[in-house]
Amino acid sequence: MAKGKKRSSDSNKNTGKSSAKRTAAKRFERIFPWSIIAAGVIGLAASFALAVETVNYIRDPQASLSCSINPIVNCSSVIDTPQGEVLGFMNPLIGVIGFSMLIVFGLAVFYGAKFPALIWQGAQAVSVLGLGFVHWLIYSSIYSLGSLCPYCMVVWLVTIMIAMQVTIRNINHGVFGGNPTIKRIGTHLACNNGLYLMVWYALIAALIIQHFGIDSLTA
């Protein structure tokens, strides 16, 4: 009798866990388009603001920029570098175009547009490229340039979030295949994506603080 009760209890626990995971996965699906739209709006605002500041700097290198707070948190030290013009023109233009497209894409998903797998594969590829690009910029800003651009850091954060959201969505919709292990990973990430995102951000913050020191950042 005791064993039967234990099995029943274990079964109820497993059922409860499965139900919680399904609920979390459904919640992720509901908020996915909103998260993409919000990330696009924030990224667009940051990119546009940096584009304006870049133009102001080009007009007058001695101008006081709103994103130049101290010797370390200083966008003017980043603008006038090869990293600030990777494709031969100022990086903010990439953000203005890319995030504008992202907002349109998110709105289309929200209103029920059904894109073929090829489009989602393309979205995955673009998000991974963006992820690699911003991590190269993070490394360059910290260890090569020794300066941090506030607007750039906003773009870093939203790009990381976009890549994570798109990856989770694609795993859960079988873009990477139907392997049960991959599906379990997708479900786990859908349930805990906020936690992993915060850990990711915390690691970047830790690298910045470890390299520059908290006093230099707030001076």
Protein backbone atom coordinates (compact mmCIF):
# COMPACT_ATOMS: atom_id res chain seq x y z
CA MET A 1 0.00 0.00 0.00
CA ALA A 2 2.84 2.38 0.91
CA LYS A 3 4.61 1.65 -2.36
CA GLY A 4 1.41 2.33 -4.29
CA LYS A 5 1.00 5.68 -2.54
CA LYS A 6 4.63 6.56 -3.29
CA ARG A 7 4.22 5.71 -6.98
CA SER A 8 1.06 7.77 -7.09
CA SER A 9 2.83 10.68 -5.40
CA ASP A 10 5.76 10.46 -7.82
CA SER A 11 3.35 10.31 -10.75
CA ASN A 12 1.54 13.39 -9.50
CA LYS A 13 4.83 15.24 -9.10
CA ASN A 14 5.91 14.32 -12.64
CA THR A 15 2.53 15.35 -14.00
CA GLY A 16 2.78 18.63 -12.14
CA LYS A 17 6.27 19.28 -13.52
CA SER A 18 5.15 18.47 -17.07
CA SER A 19 2.16 20.75 -16.70
CA ALA A 20 4.37 23.57 -15.40
CA LYS A 21 6.76 23.13 -18.32
CA ARG A 22 3.90 23.22 -20.83
CA THR A 23 2.54 26.35 -19.19
CA ALA A 24 5.97 28.00 -19.33
CA ALA A 25 6.39 27.01 -22.99
CA LYS A 26 2.97 28.46 -23.86
CA ARG A 27 3.80 31.64 -21.96
CA PHE A 28 7.04 31.91 -23.93
CA GLU A 29 5.11 31.59 -27.19
CA ARG A 30 2.73 34.37 -26.13
CA ILE A 31 5.45 36.82 -25.13
CA PHE A 32 7.87 35.96 -27.95
CA PRO A 33 6.60 38.53 -30.49
CA TRP A 34 6.32 41.18 -27.78
CA SER A 35 9.87 40.53 -26.63
CA ILE A 36 11.15 40.83 -30.19
CA ILE A 37 9.22 44.06 -30.77
CA ALA A 38 10.39 45.53 -27.45
CA ALA A 39 14.01 44.59 -28.16
CA GLY A 40 13.71 46.14 -31.62
CA VAL A 41 12.31 49.41 -30.23
CA ILE A 42 15.00 49.66 -27.55
CA GLY A 43 17.77 48.76 -30.00
CA LEU A 44 16.45 51.21 -32.58
CA ALA A 45 16.31 54.02 -30.02
CA ALA A 46 19.87 53.33 -28.85
CA SER A 47 21.19 53.03 -32.41
CA PHE A 48 19.46 56.24 -33.51
CA ALA A 49 20.77 58.12 -30.47
CA LEU A 50 24.30 56.91 -31.18
CA ALA A 51 23.94 57.86 -34.85
CA VAL A 52 23.00 61.40 -33.81
CA GLU A 53 25.95 61.58 -31.43
CA THR A 54 28.27 60.24 -34.13
CA VAL A 55 27.16 62.97 -36.53
CA ASN A 56 27.66 65.57 -33.79
CA TYR A 57 31.15 64.22 -33.14
CA ILE A 58 32.02 64.30 -36.85
CA ARG A 59 30.88 67.92 -37.04
CA ASP A 60 32.78 68.90 -33.92
CA PRO A 61 35.20 66.44 -32.26
CA GLN A 62 35.34 68.77 -29.25
CA ALA A 63 31.57 68.71 -28.76
CA SER A 64 30.19 67.49 -25.44
CA LEU A 65 28.30 64.25 -26.11
CA SER A 66 25.52 62.96 -23.87
CA CYS A 67 27.07 59.48 -23.94
CA SER A 68 30.49 60.68 -22.76
CA ILE A 69 30.22 60.52 -18.98
CA ASN A 70 33.80 59.95 -17.81
CA PRO A 71 37.13 58.75 -19.28
CA ILE A 72 35.92 55.13 -19.31
CA VAL A 73 32.21 55.47 -20.11
CA ASN A 74 32.88 57.57 -23.17
CA CYS A 75 31.37 57.00 -26.61
CA SER A 76 33.62 59.53 -28.36
CA SER A 77 36.56 57.21 -27.64
CA VAL A 78 34.70 54.40 -29.41
CA ILE A 79 33.24 56.36 -32.34
CA ASP A 80 36.61 57.41 -33.70
CA THR A 81 38.01 53.88 -34.09
CA PRO A 82 38.01 51.15 -36.76
CA GLN A 83 35.58 49.20 -34.56
CA GLY A 84 33.11 52.06 -34.95
CA GLU A 85 33.00 51.63 -38.73
CA VAL A 86 33.28 47.92 -39.37
CA LEU A 87 31.62 47.99 -42.80
CA GLY A 88 33.13 51.32 -43.84
CA PHE A 89 30.31 53.41 -42.40
CA MET A 90 29.21 54.10 -38.83
CA ASN A 91 27.89 51.06 -36.98
CA PRO A 92 24.70 52.78 -35.73
CA LEU A 93 23.32 52.66 -39.27
CA ILE A 94 23.48 48.86 -39.12
CA GLY A 95 21.45 49.02 -35.93
CA VAL A 96 18.90 51.50 -37.30
CA ILE A 97 18.24 49.29 -40.33
CA GLY A 98 18.44 45.96 -38.51
CA PHE A 99 16.25 46.88 -35.55
CA SER A 100 13.67 48.54 -37.82
CA MET A 101 13.39 45.28 -39.75
CA LEU A 102 13.15 43.37 -36.48
CA ILE A 103 10.19 45.48 -35.33
CA VAL A 104 8.36 44.78 -38.60
CA PHE A 105 9.16 41.07 -38.26
CA GLY A 106 7.91 40.98 -34.67
CA LEU A 107 4.69 42.74 -35.63
CA ALA A 108 4.14 40.26 -38.44
CA VAL A 109 4.57 37.35 -36.02
CA PHE A 110 2.23 39.00 -33.52
CA TYR A 111 -0.50 39.37 -36.14
CA GLY A 112 -0.23 35.72 -37.08
CA ALA A 113 2.09 35.67 -40.10
CA LYS A 114 3.28 32.14 -40.84
CA PHE A 115 6.84 32.18 -42.14
CA PRO A 116 8.42 29.12 -43.76
CA ALA A 117 11.28 27.32 -42.03
CA LEU A 118 13.78 28.96 -44.39
CA ILE A 119 12.88 32.40 -43.04
CA TRP A 120 13.35 31.21 -39.46
CA GLN A 121 16.66 29.63 -40.40
CA GLY A 122 17.68 32.97 -41.85
CA ALA A 123 16.56 34.71 -38.64
CA GLN A 124 18.66 32.24 -36.68
CA ALA A 125 21.71 32.88 -38.84
CA VAL A 126 21.33 36.67 -38.54
CA SER A 127 20.85 36.49 -34.76
CA VAL A 128 23.97 34.32 -34.38
CA LEU A 129 25.99 36.70 -36.55
CA GLY A 130 24.72 39.61 -34.46
CA LEU A 131 25.63 37.73 -31.30
CA GLY A 132 29.16 37.12 -32.52
CA PHE A 133 29.50 40.73 -33.65
CA VAL A 134 28.46 42.23 -30.32
CA HIS A 135 30.75 39.89 -28.37
CA TRP A 136 33.64 40.96 -30.56
CA LEU A 137 32.68 44.57 -29.79
CA ILE A 138 32.44 43.74 -26.08
CA TYR A 139 35.94 42.26 -26.13
CA SER A 140 37.30 45.17 -28.17
CA SER A 141 35.68 47.78 -25.93
CA ILE A 142 37.01 46.26 -22.73
CA TYR A 143 40.44 44.97 -23.70
CA SER A 144 41.46 46.94 -26.81
CA LEU A 145 39.81 50.37 -26.67
CA GLY A 146 39.47 50.67 -22.91
CA SER A 147 36.22 52.60 -23.30
CA LEU A 148 32.54 51.81 -22.97
CA CYS A 149 29.79 53.40 -25.04
CA PRO A 150 26.47 53.47 -23.11
CA TYR A 151 24.31 53.24 -26.24
CA CYS A 152 26.46 50.40 -27.55
CA MET A 153 25.98 48.51 -24.30
CA VAL A 154 22.20 48.78 -24.68
CA VAL A 155 22.55 47.26 -28.15
CA TRP A 156 24.71 44.47 -26.72
CA LEU A 157 22.03 43.54 -24.20
CA VAL A 158 19.09 43.49 -26.61
CA THR A 159 21.08 41.58 -29.26
CA ILE A 160 21.88 38.86 -26.74
CA MET A 161 18.21 38.67 -25.74
CA ILE A 162 17.08 38.49 -29.37
CA ALA A 163 19.50 35.65 -30.16
CA MET A 164 18.32 33.69 -27.13
CA GLN A 165 14.62 34.23 -27.90
CA VAL A 166 14.94 33.28 -31.56
CA THR A 167 17.01 30.20 -30.72
CA ILE A 168 14.49 28.96 -28.14
CA ARG A 169 11.60 29.57 -30.51
CA ASN A 170 13.33 27.69 -33.33
CA ILE A 171 14.22 24.74 -31.11
CA ASN A 172 10.63 24.43 -29.92
CA HIS A 173 9.29 24.60 -33.48
CA GLY A 174 11.64 21.92 -34.83
CA VAL A 175 13.87 24.16 -36.93
CA PHE A 176 16.86 22.19 -35.60
CA GLY A 177 15.15 18.84 -36.05
CA GLY A 178 12.99 16.65 -33.83
CA ASN A 179 15.66 15.12 -31.61
CA PRO A 180 14.09 14.56 -28.15
CA THR A 181 17.20 15.87 -26.37
CA ILE A 182 17.11 19.09 -28.35
CA LYS A 183 13.40 19.46 -27.59
CA ARG A 184 14.06 18.99 -23.88
CA ILE A 185 16.75 21.66 -24.04
CA GLY A 186 14.32 23.99 -25.78
CA THR A 187 11.65 23.41 -23.14
CA HIS A 188 14.17 23.95 -20.35
CA LEU A 189 15.37 27.20 -21.91
CA ALA A 190 11.81 28.38 -22.45
CA CYS A 191 11.14 27.83 -18.74
CA ASN A 192 14.37 29.46 -17.56
CA ASN A 193 15.40 31.91 -20.28
CA GLY A 194 15.15 34.90 -17.93
CA LEU A 195 17.55 33.28 -15.47
CA TYR A 196 20.11 32.42 -18.14
CA LEU A 197 19.83 35.89 -19.62
CA MET A 198 20.55 37.48 -16.24
CA VAL A 199 23.56 35.18 -15.74
CA TRP A 200 24.86 36.15 -19.20
CA TYR A 201 24.49 39.85 -18.39
CA ALA A 202 26.10 39.35 -15.00
CA LEU A 203 29.15 37.71 -16.58
CA ILE A 204 29.61 40.67 -18.93
CA ALA A 205 29.21 43.09 -16.01
CA ALA A 206 31.74 41.08 -14.02
CA LEU A 207 34.30 41.29 -16.85
CA ILE A 208 33.81 45.05 -17.08
CA ILE A 209 34.12 45.58 -13.32
CA GLN A 210 37.09 43.23 -13.06
CA HIS A 211 38.96 45.06 -15.83
CA PHE A 212 38.14 48.67 -15.05
CA GLY A 213 37.22 48.63 -11.37
CA ILE A 214 34.01 50.02 -9.97
CA ASP A 215 35.65 53.31 -8.96
CA SER A 216 36.76 54.09 -12.55
CA LEU A 217 33.29 53.40 -13.89
CA THR A 218 31.54 55.71 -11.43
CA ALA A 219 34.15 58.48 -11.22
